[in-house]
All heavy atoms as atom14 arrays in JSON, in Angstrom:
{
  "sequence": "PAKEEIIEKIIHFVDNTKVGVLGTVGLAMLIYMVISLIQ",
  "atom14_mask": [
    [1, 1, 1, 1, 1, 1, 1, 0, 0, 0, 0, 0, 0, 0],
    [1, 1, 1, 1, 1, 0, 0, 0, 0, 0, 0, 0, 0, 0],
    [1, 1, 1, 1, 1, 1, 1, 1, 1, 0, 0, 0, 0, 0],
    [1, 1, 1, 1, 1, 1, 1, 1, 1, 0, 0, 0, 0, 0],
    [1, 1, 1, 1, 1, 1, 1, 1, 1, 0, 0, 0, 0, 0],
    [1, 1, 1, 1, 1, 1, 1, 1, 0, 0, 0, 0, 0, 0],
    [1, 1, 1, 1, 1, 1, 1, 1, 0, 0, 0, 0, 0, 0],
    [1, 1, 1, 1, 1, 1, 1, 1, 1, 0, 0, 0, 0, 0],
    [1, 1, 1, 1, 1, 1, 1, 1, 1, 0, 0, 0, 0, 0],
    [1, 1, 1, 1, 1, 1, 1, 1, 0, 0, 0, 0, 0, 0],
    [1, 1, 1, 1, 1, 1, 1, 1, 0, 0, 0, 0, 0, 0],
    [1, 1, 1, 1, 1, 1, 1, 1, 1, 1, 0, 0, 0, 0],
    [1, 1, 1, 1, 1, 1, 1, 1, 1, 1, 1, 0, 0, 0],
    [1, 1, 1, 1, 1, 1, 1, 0, 0, 0, 0, 0, 0, 0],
    [1, 1, 1, 1, 1, 1, 1, 1, 0, 0, 0, 0, 0, 0],
    [1, 1, 1, 1, 1, 1, 1, 1, 0, 0, 0, 0, 0, 0],
    [1, 1, 1, 1, 1, 1, 1, 0, 0, 0, 0, 0, 0, 0],
    [1, 1, 1, 1, 1, 1, 1, 1, 1, 0, 0, 0, 0, 0],
    [1, 1, 1, 1, 1, 1, 1, 0, 0, 0, 0, 0, 0, 0],
    [1, 1, 1, 1, 0, 0, 0, 0, 0, 0, 0, 0, 0, 0],
    [1, 1, 1, 1, 1, 1, 1, 0, 0, 0, 0, 0, 0, 0],
    [1, 1, 1, 1, 1, 1, 1, 1, 0, 0, 0, 0, 0, 0],
    [1, 1, 1, 1, 0, 0, 0, 0, 0, 0, 0, 0, 0, 0],
    [1, 1, 1, 1, 1, 1, 1, 0, 0, 0, 0, 0, 0, 0],
    [1, 1, 1, 1, 1, 1, 1, 0, 0, 0, 0, 0, 0, 0],
    [1, 1, 1, 1, 0, 0, 0, 0, 0, 0, 0, 0, 0, 0],
    [1, 1, 1, 1, 1, 1, 1, 1, 0, 0, 0, 0, 0, 0],
    [1, 1, 1, 1, 1, 0, 0, 0, 0, 0, 0, 0, 0, 0],
    [1, 1, 1, 1, 1, 1, 1, 1, 0, 0, 0, 0, 0, 0],
    [1, 1, 1, 1, 1, 1, 1, 1, 0, 0, 0, 0, 0, 0],
    [1, 1, 1, 1, 1, 1, 1, 1, 0, 0, 0, 0, 0, 0],
    [1, 1, 1, 1, 1, 1, 1, 1, 1, 1, 1, 1, 0, 0],
    [1, 1, 1, 1, 1, 1, 1, 1, 0, 0, 0, 0, 0, 0],
    [1, 1, 1, 1, 1, 1, 1, 0, 0, 0, 0, 0, 0, 0],
    [1, 1, 1, 1, 1, 1, 1, 1, 0, 0, 0, 0, 0, 0],
    [1, 1, 1, 1, 1, 1, 0, 0, 0, 0, 0, 0, 0, 0],
    [1, 1, 1, 1, 1, 1, 1, 1, 0, 0, 0, 0, 0, 0],
    [1, 1, 1, 1, 1, 1, 1, 1, 0, 0, 0, 0, 0, 0],
    [1, 1, 1, 1, 1, 1, 1, 1, 1, 0, 0, 0, 0, 0]
  ],
  "atom14_positions": [
    [[103.25, 131.95, 200.33], [102.43, 133.17, 200.21], [102.16, 133.58, 198.77], [101.15, 134.21, 198.48], [103.28, 134.23, 200.94], [104.18, 133.45, 201.84], [104.47, 132.17, 201.13], [0.0, 0.0, 0.0], [0.0, 0.0, 0.0], [0.0, 0.0, 0.0], [0.0, 0.0, 0.0], [0.0, 0.0, 0.0], [0.0, 0.0, 0.0], [0.0, 0.0, 0.0]],
    [[103.05, 133.19, 197.84], [102.88, 133.58, 196.44], [101.68, 132.9, 195.79], [101.21, 133.34, 194.74], [104.14, 133.24, 195.65], [0.0, 0.0, 0.0], [0.0, 0.0, 0.0], [0.0, 0.0, 0.0], [0.0, 0.0, 0.0], [0.0, 0.0, 0.0], [0.0, 0.0, 0.0], [0.0, 0.0, 0.0], [0.0, 0.0, 0.0], [0.0, 0.0, 0.0]],
    [[101.16, 131.84, 196.44], [100.03, 131.13, 195.84], [98.79, 132.0, 195.74], [97.96, 131.83, 194.83], [99.72, 129.86, 196.63], [99.15, 130.12, 198.02], [98.92, 128.83, 198.78], [98.38, 129.12, 200.19], [98.22, 127.89, 200.98], [0.0, 0.0, 0.0], [0.0, 0.0, 0.0], [0.0, 0.0, 0.0], [0.0, 0.0, 0.0], [0.0, 0.0, 0.0]],
    [[98.65, 132.96, 196.68], [97.47, 133.82, 196.66], [97.4, 134.63, 195.38], [96.32, 134.85, 194.83], [97.48, 134.75, 197.88], [97.5, 134.03, 199.22], [96.29, 133.12, 199.4], [95.22, 133.42, 198.83], [96.42, 132.09, 200.09], [0.0, 0.0, 0.0], [0.0, 0.0, 0.0], [0.0, 0.0, 0.0], [0.0, 0.0, 0.0], [0.0, 0.0, 0.0]],
    [[98.56, 135.08, 194.89], [98.59, 135.85, 193.64], [98.17, 134.98, 192.46], [97.4, 135.43, 191.59], [99.99, 136.41, 193.42], [100.11, 137.27, 192.17], [101.53, 137.77, 191.94], [102.35, 137.65, 192.87], [101.8, 138.27, 190.82], [0.0, 0.0, 0.0], [0.0, 0.0, 0.0], [0.0, 0.0, 0.0], [0.0, 0.0, 0.0], [0.0, 0.0, 0.0]],
    [[98.65, 133.73, 192.42], [98.28, 132.82, 191.33], [96.8, 132.5, 191.37], [96.1, 132.53, 190.35], [99.11, 131.52, 191.41], [100.6, 131.83, 191.33], [98.72, 130.56, 190.29], [101.49, 130.61, 191.5], [0.0, 0.0, 0.0], [0.0, 0.0, 0.0], [0.0, 0.0, 0.0], [0.0, 0.0, 0.0], [0.0, 0.0, 0.0], [0.0, 0.0, 0.0]],
    [[96.28, 132.2, 192.58], [94.86, 131.87, 192.73], [93.99, 133.04, 192.3], [92.98, 132.87, 191.61], [94.55, 131.46, 194.19], [95.26, 130.15, 194.52], [93.05, 131.32, 194.41], [95.18, 129.76, 195.99], [0.0, 0.0, 0.0], [0.0, 0.0, 0.0], [0.0, 0.0, 0.0], [0.0, 0.0, 0.0], [0.0, 0.0, 0.0], [0.0, 0.0, 0.0]],
    [[94.41, 134.25, 192.68], [93.63, 135.44, 192.31], [93.55, 135.61, 190.8], [92.48, 135.9, 190.25], [94.29, 136.67, 192.95], [93.53, 137.97, 192.67], [94.23, 139.18, 193.28], [95.16, 138.99, 194.09], [93.84, 140.3, 192.91], [0.0, 0.0, 0.0], [0.0, 0.0, 0.0], [0.0, 0.0, 0.0], [0.0, 0.0, 0.0], [0.0, 0.0, 0.0]],
    [[94.68, 135.37, 190.13], [94.69, 135.51, 188.66], [93.82, 134.43, 188.01], [93.06, 134.7, 187.07], [96.12, 135.42, 188.13], [97.0, 136.61, 188.49], [98.38, 136.47, 187.89], [99.29, 137.64, 188.29], [98.8, 138.94, 187.79], [0.0, 0.0, 0.0], [0.0, 0.0, 0.0], [0.0, 0.0, 0.0], [0.0, 0.0, 0.0], [0.0, 0.0, 0.0]],
    [[93.92, 133.19, 188.51], [93.14, 132.09, 187.93], [91.65, 132.33, 188.14], [90.84, 132.19, 187.2], [93.57, 130.75, 188.55], [94.99, 130.37, 188.09], [92.6, 129.63, 188.15], [95.54, 129.12, 188.74], [0.0, 0.0, 0.0], [0.0, 0.0, 0.0], [0.0, 0.0, 0.0], [0.0, 0.0, 0.0], [0.0, 0.0, 0.0], [0.0, 0.0, 0.0]],
    [[91.26, 132.68, 189.36], [89.84, 132.95, 189.66], [89.32, 134.09, 188.81], [88.18, 134.07, 188.31], [89.64, 133.26, 191.16], [89.99, 132.03, 192.01], [88.2, 133.68, 191.43], [89.09, 130.85, 191.8], [0.0, 0.0, 0.0], [0.0, 0.0, 0.0], [0.0, 0.0, 0.0], [0.0, 0.0, 0.0], [0.0, 0.0, 0.0], [0.0, 0.0, 0.0]],
    [[90.18, 135.11, 188.59], [89.78, 136.25, 187.76], [89.47, 135.81, 186.33], [88.46, 136.18, 185.75], [90.9, 137.3, 187.77], [90.64, 138.46, 186.85], [89.69, 139.44, 187.13], [91.2, 138.79, 185.65], [89.68, 140.32, 186.13], [90.58, 139.95, 185.22], [0.0, 0.0, 0.0], [0.0, 0.0, 0.0], [0.0, 0.0, 0.0], [0.0, 0.0, 0.0]],
    [[90.35, 134.96, 185.78], [90.13, 134.45, 184.42], [88.87, 133.6, 184.36], [88.08, 133.69, 183.42], [91.34, 133.65, 183.95], [92.46, 134.48, 183.44], [93.71, 134.45, 184.05], [92.29, 135.3, 182.33], [94.76, 135.22, 183.58], [93.33, 136.07, 181.85], [94.57, 136.03, 182.48], [0.0, 0.0, 0.0], [0.0, 0.0, 0.0], [0.0, 0.0, 0.0]],
    [[88.69, 132.73, 185.37], [87.52, 131.84, 185.38], [86.24, 132.65, 185.49], [85.25, 132.38, 184.8], [87.63, 130.82, 186.55], [86.34, 130.03, 186.68], [88.8, 129.88, 186.31], [0.0, 0.0, 0.0], [0.0, 0.0, 0.0], [0.0, 0.0, 0.0], [0.0, 0.0, 0.0], [0.0, 0.0, 0.0], [0.0, 0.0, 0.0], [0.0, 0.0, 0.0]],
    [[86.23, 133.66, 186.35], [85.03, 134.5, 186.52], [84.68, 135.24, 185.24], [83.51, 135.47, 184.94], [85.25, 135.51, 187.65], [85.1, 134.87, 189.02], [84.45, 133.8, 189.11], [85.65, 135.4, 190.0], [0.0, 0.0, 0.0], [0.0, 0.0, 0.0], [0.0, 0.0, 0.0], [0.0, 0.0, 0.0], [0.0, 0.0, 0.0], [0.0, 0.0, 0.0]],
    [[85.71, 135.6, 184.47], [85.47, 136.33, 183.23], [85.07, 135.42, 182.07], [84.7, 135.9, 181.0], [86.72, 137.12, 182.82], [86.94, 138.32, 183.72], [86.01, 138.79, 184.38], [88.17, 138.82, 183.76], [0.0, 0.0, 0.0], [0.0, 0.0, 0.0], [0.0, 0.0, 0.0], [0.0, 0.0, 0.0], [0.0, 0.0, 0.0], [0.0, 0.0, 0.0]],
    [[85.17, 134.11, 182.28], [84.74, 133.15, 181.26], [83.29, 132.79, 181.51], [82.97, 132.01, 182.41], [85.6, 131.87, 181.3], [86.98, 132.24, 181.18], [85.24, 130.94, 180.15], [0.0, 0.0, 0.0], [0.0, 0.0, 0.0], [0.0, 0.0, 0.0], [0.0, 0.0, 0.0], [0.0, 0.0, 0.0], [0.0, 0.0, 0.0], [0.0, 0.0, 0.0]],
    [[82.4, 133.35, 180.75], [80.96, 133.11, 180.91], [80.53, 131.97, 179.99], [80.29, 132.18, 178.8], [80.16, 134.38, 180.58], [80.64, 135.63, 181.34], [80.44, 135.5, 182.84], [80.87, 136.77, 183.56], [80.78, 136.65, 185.03], [0.0, 0.0, 0.0], [0.0, 0.0, 0.0], [0.0, 0.0, 0.0], [0.0, 0.0, 0.0], [0.0, 0.0, 0.0]],
    [[80.5, 130.78, 180.55], [80.19, 129.61, 179.74], [78.81, 129.71, 179.1], [78.59, 129.3, 177.97], [80.28, 128.32, 180.61], [79.9, 127.09, 179.79], [81.69, 128.16, 181.17], [0.0, 0.0, 0.0], [0.0, 0.0, 0.0], [0.0, 0.0, 0.0], [0.0, 0.0, 0.0], [0.0, 0.0, 0.0], [0.0, 0.0, 0.0], [0.0, 0.0, 0.0]],
    [[77.88, 130.3, 179.84], [76.5, 130.37, 179.35], [76.3, 131.25, 178.15], [75.3, 131.12, 177.43], [0.0, 0.0, 0.0], [0.0, 0.0, 0.0], [0.0, 0.0, 0.0], [0.0, 0.0, 0.0], [0.0, 0.0, 0.0], [0.0, 0.0, 0.0], [0.0, 0.0, 0.0], [0.0, 0.0, 0.0], [0.0, 0.0, 0.0], [0.0, 0.0, 0.0]],
    [[77.23, 132.19, 177.9], [77.03, 133.12, 176.78], [78.01, 132.85, 175.63], [78.14, 133.66, 174.73], [77.18, 134.59, 177.26], [76.12, 134.92, 178.29], [78.57, 134.84, 177.83], [0.0, 0.0, 0.0], [0.0, 0.0, 0.0], [0.0, 0.0, 0.0], [0.0, 0.0, 0.0], [0.0, 0.0, 0.0], [0.0, 0.0, 0.0], [0.0, 0.0, 0.0]],
    [[78.69, 131.73, 175.68], [79.68, 131.43, 174.65], [79.03, 131.02, 173.33], [79.62, 131.18, 172.27], [80.62, 130.31, 175.12], [81.67, 130.68, 176.16], [82.44, 129.45, 176.58], [82.62, 131.74, 175.63], [0.0, 0.0, 0.0], [0.0, 0.0, 0.0], [0.0, 0.0, 0.0], [0.0, 0.0, 0.0], [0.0, 0.0, 0.0], [0.0, 0.0, 0.0]],
    [[77.83, 130.47, 173.39], [77.21, 129.94, 172.2], [77.7, 128.53, 171.9], [78.6, 128.02, 172.56], [0.0, 0.0, 0.0], [0.0, 0.0, 0.0], [0.0, 0.0, 0.0], [0.0, 0.0, 0.0], [0.0, 0.0, 0.0], [0.0, 0.0, 0.0], [0.0, 0.0, 0.0], [0.0, 0.0, 0.0], [0.0, 0.0, 0.0], [0.0, 0.0, 0.0]],
    [[77.11, 127.93, 170.9], [77.44, 126.53, 170.59], [78.89, 126.36, 170.18], [79.6, 125.47, 170.67], [76.52, 126.03, 169.46], [75.16, 126.21, 169.84], [76.77, 124.55, 169.2], [0.0, 0.0, 0.0], [0.0, 0.0, 0.0], [0.0, 0.0, 0.0], [0.0, 0.0, 0.0], [0.0, 0.0, 0.0], [0.0, 0.0, 0.0], [0.0, 0.0, 0.0]],
    [[79.36, 127.23, 169.28], [80.73, 127.12, 168.78], [81.73, 127.39, 169.89], [82.72, 126.66, 170.06], [80.96, 128.09, 167.6], [82.42, 128.03, 167.14], [80.04, 127.76, 166.44], [0.0, 0.0, 0.0], [0.0, 0.0, 0.0], [0.0, 0.0, 0.0], [0.0, 0.0, 0.0], [0.0, 0.0, 0.0], [0.0, 0.0, 0.0], [0.0, 0.0, 0.0]],
    [[81.49, 128.42, 170.68], [82.39, 128.76, 171.78], [82.47, 127.66, 172.81], [83.55, 127.32, 173.31], [0.0, 0.0, 0.0], [0.0, 0.0, 0.0], [0.0, 0.0, 0.0], [0.0, 0.0, 0.0], [0.0, 0.0, 0.0], [0.0, 0.0, 0.0], [0.0, 0.0, 0.0], [0.0, 0.0, 0.0], [0.0, 0.0, 0.0], [0.0, 0.0, 0.0]],
    [[81.3, 127.08, 173.16], [81.28, 125.99, 174.13], [82.0, 124.76, 173.59], [82.73, 124.08, 174.33], [79.83, 125.64, 174.49], [79.63, 124.54, 175.54], [80.29, 124.94, 176.86], [78.16, 124.25, 175.75], [0.0, 0.0, 0.0], [0.0, 0.0, 0.0], [0.0, 0.0, 0.0], [0.0, 0.0, 0.0], [0.0, 0.0, 0.0], [0.0, 0.0, 0.0]],
    [[81.8, 124.5, 172.29], [82.48, 123.35, 171.67], [84.0, 123.54, 171.71], [84.74, 122.59, 171.99], [82.01, 123.17, 170.23], [0.0, 0.0, 0.0], [0.0, 0.0, 0.0], [0.0, 0.0, 0.0], [0.0, 0.0, 0.0], [0.0, 0.0, 0.0], [0.0, 0.0, 0.0], [0.0, 0.0, 0.0], [0.0, 0.0, 0.0], [0.0, 0.0, 0.0]],
    [[84.48, 124.75, 171.46], [85.91, 125.02, 171.51], [86.45, 124.87, 172.93], [87.56, 124.36, 173.14], [86.2, 126.43, 171.0], [86.06, 126.59, 169.5], [87.19, 125.51, 168.58], [88.77, 126.16, 169.1], [0.0, 0.0, 0.0], [0.0, 0.0, 0.0], [0.0, 0.0, 0.0], [0.0, 0.0, 0.0], [0.0, 0.0, 0.0], [0.0, 0.0, 0.0]],
    [[85.64, 125.29, 173.92], [86.04, 125.16, 175.32], [86.2, 123.7, 175.7], [87.2, 123.3, 176.31], [84.97, 125.82, 176.21], [85.41, 126.26, 177.61], [86.41, 127.4, 177.53], [84.2, 126.71, 178.42], [0.0, 0.0, 0.0], [0.0, 0.0, 0.0], [0.0, 0.0, 0.0], [0.0, 0.0, 0.0], [0.0, 0.0, 0.0], [0.0, 0.0, 0.0]],
    [[85.21, 122.89, 175.31], [85.27, 121.46, 175.61], [86.42, 120.8, 174.85], [87.12, 119.93, 175.39], [83.92, 120.78, 175.24], [82.82, 121.3, 176.17], [84.03, 119.26, 175.35], [81.43, 120.82, 175.81], [0.0, 0.0, 0.0], [0.0, 0.0, 0.0], [0.0, 0.0, 0.0], [0.0, 0.0, 0.0], [0.0, 0.0, 0.0], [0.0, 0.0, 0.0]],
    [[86.65, 121.24, 173.61], [87.74, 120.68, 172.82], [89.09, 120.93, 173.49], [89.95, 120.03, 173.54], [87.76, 121.29, 171.42], [88.99, 120.94, 170.62], [89.13, 119.68, 170.04], [90.04, 121.86, 170.49], [90.28, 119.35, 169.33], [91.18, 121.52, 169.79], [91.29, 120.27, 169.21], [92.43, 119.94, 168.51], [0.0, 0.0, 0.0], [0.0, 0.0, 0.0]],
    [[89.3, 122.12, 174.04], [90.57, 122.43, 174.71], [90.78, 121.52, 175.92], [91.9, 121.05, 176.17], [90.58, 123.9, 175.16], [90.63, 124.9, 174.03], [92.14, 124.75, 173.05], [93.38, 125.19, 174.26], [0.0, 0.0, 0.0], [0.0, 0.0, 0.0], [0.0, 0.0, 0.0], [0.0, 0.0, 0.0], [0.0, 0.0, 0.0], [0.0, 0.0, 0.0]],
    [[89.7, 121.27, 176.65], [89.81, 120.41, 177.84], [90.09, 118.96, 177.42], [90.96, 118.29, 177.99], [88.51, 120.49, 178.67], [88.58, 119.52, 179.84], [88.3, 121.91, 179.18], [0.0, 0.0, 0.0], [0.0, 0.0, 0.0], [0.0, 0.0, 0.0], [0.0, 0.0, 0.0], [0.0, 0.0, 0.0], [0.0, 0.0, 0.0], [0.0, 0.0, 0.0]],
    [[89.36, 118.48, 176.41], [89.55, 117.1, 175.96], [90.94, 116.91, 175.37], [91.56, 115.85, 175.54], [88.46, 116.72, 174.93], [87.1, 116.59, 175.63], [88.8, 115.43, 174.2], [85.96, 116.24, 174.72], [0.0, 0.0, 0.0], [0.0, 0.0, 0.0], [0.0, 0.0, 0.0], [0.0, 0.0, 0.0], [0.0, 0.0, 0.0], [0.0, 0.0, 0.0]],
    [[91.47, 117.93, 174.71], [92.81, 117.82, 174.13], [93.86, 117.64, 175.21], [94.86, 116.94, 175.0], [93.13, 119.06, 173.29], [93.23, 120.22, 174.11], [0.0, 0.0, 0.0], [0.0, 0.0, 0.0], [0.0, 0.0, 0.0], [0.0, 0.0, 0.0], [0.0, 0.0, 0.0], [0.0, 0.0, 0.0], [0.0, 0.0, 0.0], [0.0, 0.0, 0.0]],
    [[93.63, 118.26, 176.38], [94.57, 118.07, 177.49], [94.57, 116.62, 177.96], [95.63, 115.99, 178.1], [94.2, 119.0, 178.66], [94.96, 118.76, 179.97], [96.45, 118.98, 179.77], [94.42, 119.66, 181.08], [0.0, 0.0, 0.0], [0.0, 0.0, 0.0], [0.0, 0.0, 0.0], [0.0, 0.0, 0.0], [0.0, 0.0, 0.0], [0.0, 0.0, 0.0]],
    [[93.37, 116.06, 178.17], [93.29, 114.67, 178.64], [93.8, 113.72, 177.57], [94.42, 112.69, 177.88], [91.84, 114.33, 179.05], [91.3, 115.36, 180.05], [91.77, 112.93, 179.67], [89.89, 115.11, 180.5], [0.0, 0.0, 0.0], [0.0, 0.0, 0.0], [0.0, 0.0, 0.0], [0.0, 0.0, 0.0], [0.0, 0.0, 0.0], [0.0, 0.0, 0.0]],
    [[93.56, 114.06, 176.3], [94.07, 113.22, 175.22], [95.59, 113.2, 175.21], [96.22, 112.15, 175.01], [93.55, 113.74, 173.88], [94.03, 112.92, 172.68], [93.52, 113.47, 171.37], [92.51, 114.17, 171.33], [94.21, 113.17, 170.29], [0.0, 0.0, 0.0], [0.0, 0.0, 0.0], [0.0, 0.0, 0.0], [0.0, 0.0, 0.0], [0.0, 0.0, 0.0]]
  ]
}
């Protein structure tokens, strides 16, 4: 049952991350964070 609380927090953060309004630098930093994980 505790998973619902985690999912709610994650979805909240994702919804508040507006990829379209980040700009070039913000989008580049977002992609860099993701690539650093896979690296």
